[in-house]
Amino acid sequence: MKNFTQKKQLVFAIIFFIITLPSLLFFYTNINVQEIASGQKLTEWRVEAARRDEIKFLDSSMKKIEGEKAMLETHFVQISNPVPFLGTLDKLAKSVNTEYTVSSFDASPDGTSLIVVMNATGNFEAFYKFLTLLENVSYDIEFVSIDMKKETDTNKWSAAIKIKLLTFVK
């Protein structure tokens, strides 16, 4: 009887092994598939994290050079948008109580500069200050001609000023 019980236990163990072996293989395969998928997700996450770090670096770099960009934009005039330059002229004239009008704003024939022709009026002191401020403006300019006249019966001066704007972008 003892032998029969041992045989029974052996048969039961073999049947149990045969039944559990596919389950173990199923779980082992499933774990390997999940491990591979997990590795791929980890790689994707690292790539995305590297992209985010690069974006943060570029954003901080852009913020660092923002001041330099603004300085460059105040030094160069775009032919398509001369408004900042004309706004600068307007601020200069108003700061010294000089009236001015721009009569032309065109590219030079050789294309290396912009020619700006303007008329300005004011008392001599204000007009002199306007010319000094204009000479020290952040744009690179060159005076081509200044035709200055005193108006009769008043203390006002008028001038036709022609300048070359050397720093511009087409």
Protein backbone atom coordinates (compact mmCIF):
# COMPACT_ATOMS: atom_id res chain seq x y z
CA MET A 1 0.00 0.00 0.00
CA LYS A 2 2.82 2.25 0.74
CA ASN A 3 4.16 1.68 -2.71
CA PHE A 4 0.78 2.44 -4.21
CA THR A 5 0.57 5.75 -2.30
CA GLN A 6 4.00 6.72 -3.50
CA LYS A 7 3.04 5.86 -7.07
CA LYS A 8 -0.12 7.88 -6.62
CA GLN A 9 1.87 10.83 -5.36
CA LEU A 10 4.34 10.49 -8.23
CA VAL A 11 1.54 10.38 -10.80
CA PHE A 12 -0.11 13.34 -9.11
CA ALA A 13 3.22 15.25 -9.18
CA ILE A 14 3.75 14.45 -12.87
CA ILE A 15 0.20 15.53 -13.74
CA PHE A 16 0.65 18.69 -11.67
CA PHE A 17 3.98 19.38 -13.44
CA ILE A 18 2.40 18.82 -16.88
CA ILE A 19 -0.47 21.16 -16.01
CA THR A 20 1.68 23.92 -14.47
CA LEU A 21 4.50 23.84 -17.05
CA PRO A 22 2.45 25.62 -19.79
CA SER A 23 1.31 28.16 -17.22
CA LEU A 24 4.89 28.82 -16.18
CA LEU A 25 5.97 29.11 -19.83
CA PHE A 26 3.07 31.49 -20.48
CA PHE A 27 4.01 33.71 -17.55
CA TYR A 28 7.73 33.58 -18.44
CA THR A 29 6.99 34.65 -22.04
CA ASN A 30 4.62 37.34 -20.86
CA ILE A 31 7.26 38.72 -18.45
CA ASN A 32 9.86 38.82 -21.24
CA VAL A 33 7.44 40.66 -23.57
CA GLN A 34 6.65 43.15 -20.82
CA GLU A 35 10.36 43.63 -20.13
CA ILE A 36 11.03 44.40 -23.80
CA ALA A 37 8.08 46.81 -23.93
CA SER A 38 9.28 48.43 -20.71
CA GLY A 39 12.77 48.87 -22.19
CA GLN A 40 11.29 50.52 -25.29
CA LYS A 41 9.18 52.87 -23.16
CA LEU A 42 12.22 53.74 -21.08
CA THR A 43 14.19 54.56 -24.25
CA GLU A 44 11.31 56.72 -25.54
CA TRP A 45 11.13 58.50 -22.19
CA ARG A 46 14.89 59.21 -22.24
CA VAL A 47 14.65 60.60 -25.79
CA GLU A 48 11.73 62.81 -24.78
CA ALA A 49 13.56 63.97 -21.63
CA ALA A 50 16.61 64.85 -23.75
CA ARG A 51 14.38 66.83 -26.14
CA ARG A 52 12.80 68.70 -23.23
CA ASP A 53 16.23 69.51 -21.81
CA GLU A 54 17.31 70.78 -25.22
CA ILE A 55 14.19 72.94 -25.49
CA LYS A 56 14.83 74.35 -22.01
CA PHE A 57 18.43 75.09 -22.96
CA LEU A 58 17.38 76.82 -26.18
CA ASP A 59 14.73 78.80 -24.32
CA SER A 60 17.23 79.97 -21.70
CA SER A 61 19.72 80.81 -24.48
CA MET A 62 17.07 82.89 -26.26
CA LYS A 63 16.33 84.75 -23.04
CA LYS A 64 20.04 85.43 -22.53
CA ILE A 65 20.50 86.91 -26.00
CA GLU A 66 17.21 88.82 -25.98
CA GLY A 67 18.98 92.00 -24.84
CA GLU A 68 21.61 91.65 -27.54
CA LYS A 69 18.90 91.03 -30.13
CA ALA A 70 17.11 94.21 -29.05
CA MET A 71 20.39 96.12 -29.27
CA LEU A 72 20.97 94.80 -32.80
CA GLU A 73 17.44 95.70 -33.81
CA THR A 74 18.02 99.25 -32.58
CA HIS A 75 21.21 99.45 -34.63
CA PHE A 76 19.90 98.12 -37.96
CA VAL A 77 16.96 99.48 -39.92
CA GLN A 78 14.87 97.22 -42.11
CA ILE A 79 13.94 98.78 -45.43
CA SER A 80 10.52 97.14 -45.16
CA ASN A 81 9.98 98.65 -41.67
CA PRO A 82 11.68 102.02 -41.09
CA VAL A 83 9.23 102.92 -38.30
CA PRO A 84 11.68 102.32 -35.38
CA PHE A 85 14.26 104.61 -37.01
CA LEU A 86 11.66 107.29 -37.73
CA GLY A 87 10.36 106.90 -34.18
CA THR A 88 13.90 107.52 -32.91
CA LEU A 89 14.13 110.68 -35.00
CA ASP A 90 10.78 111.79 -33.63
CA LYS A 91 11.90 111.24 -30.02
CA LEU A 92 15.12 113.16 -30.63
CA ALA A 93 13.30 116.10 -32.19
CA LYS A 94 10.66 116.25 -29.45
CA SER A 95 13.29 116.04 -26.70
CA VAL A 96 14.87 119.33 -27.89
CA ASN A 97 11.72 121.08 -29.18
CA THR A 98 12.63 120.83 -32.84
CA GLU A 99 10.10 120.18 -35.57
CA TYR A 100 11.09 117.91 -38.42
CA THR A 101 9.58 116.20 -41.45
CA VAL A 102 11.07 113.42 -43.51
CA SER A 103 10.73 114.23 -47.19
CA SER A 104 12.31 111.06 -48.60
CA PHE A 105 13.58 107.70 -47.46
CA ASP A 106 15.19 105.73 -50.30
CA ALA A 107 18.03 103.30 -50.93
CA SER A 108 21.18 104.78 -52.44
CA PRO A 109 21.84 103.97 -56.11
CA ASP A 110 24.66 101.57 -55.20
CA GLY A 111 22.46 99.84 -52.59
CA THR A 112 24.94 100.20 -49.73
CA SER A 113 22.99 102.74 -47.70
CA LEU A 114 19.68 104.49 -47.22
CA ILE A 115 19.39 108.16 -48.00
CA VAL A 116 17.13 110.11 -45.65
CA VAL A 117 16.22 113.71 -46.48
CA MET A 118 14.47 115.74 -43.79
CA ASN A 119 13.61 119.31 -42.97
CA ALA A 120 13.97 120.63 -39.43
CA THR A 121 13.00 123.92 -37.78
CA GLY A 122 13.62 125.38 -34.36
CA ASN A 123 15.72 127.91 -32.53
CA PHE A 124 19.48 127.63 -33.00
CA GLU A 125 20.17 126.01 -29.63
CA ALA A 126 17.45 123.36 -30.11
CA PHE A 127 18.54 122.74 -33.68
CA TYR A 128 22.19 122.33 -32.59
CA LYS A 129 21.14 119.86 -29.86
CA PHE A 130 19.07 117.94 -32.43
CA LEU A 131 22.11 117.60 -34.71
CA THR A 132 24.25 116.48 -31.77
CA LEU A 133 21.70 113.86 -30.74
CA LEU A 134 21.34 112.75 -34.35
CA GLU A 135 25.09 112.35 -34.64
CA ASN A 136 25.17 110.18 -31.49
CA VAL A 137 22.14 108.02 -32.34
CA SER A 138 22.58 104.22 -32.09
CA TYR A 139 22.29 103.85 -35.87
CA ASP A 140 25.40 104.29 -38.00
CA ILE A 141 24.73 107.45 -40.03
CA GLU A 142 26.77 109.85 -42.11
CA PHE A 143 25.81 113.46 -42.77
CA VAL A 144 25.80 114.11 -46.52
CA SER A 145 24.65 117.72 -46.42
CA ILE A 146 23.08 120.30 -44.13
CA ASP A 147 21.65 123.46 -45.67
CA MET A 148 20.85 125.73 -42.73
CA LYS A 149 19.12 129.13 -42.96
CA LYS A 150 17.79 131.63 -40.50
CA GLU A 151 14.22 132.65 -41.14
CA THR A 152 13.71 136.38 -41.42
CA ASP A 153 11.80 138.26 -38.72
CA THR A 154 11.98 135.31 -36.29
CA ASN A 155 14.53 133.59 -34.15
CA LYS A 156 13.92 130.25 -35.90
CA TRP A 157 16.29 128.34 -38.08
CA SER A 158 15.38 125.86 -40.79
CA ALA A 159 17.54 123.26 -42.41
CA ALA A 160 17.44 120.62 -45.08
CA ILE A 161 19.39 117.64 -43.77
CA LYS A 162 20.50 114.75 -45.92
CA ILE A 163 21.98 111.72 -44.16
CA LYS A 164 23.15 108.29 -45.19
CA LEU A 165 21.94 105.47 -42.98
CA LEU A 166 24.71 102.87 -43.20
CA THR A 167 23.24 100.17 -40.98
CA PHE A 168 20.24 98.66 -42.66
CA VAL A 169 18.85 95.27 -43.67
CA LYS A 170 17.13 94.67 -46.98
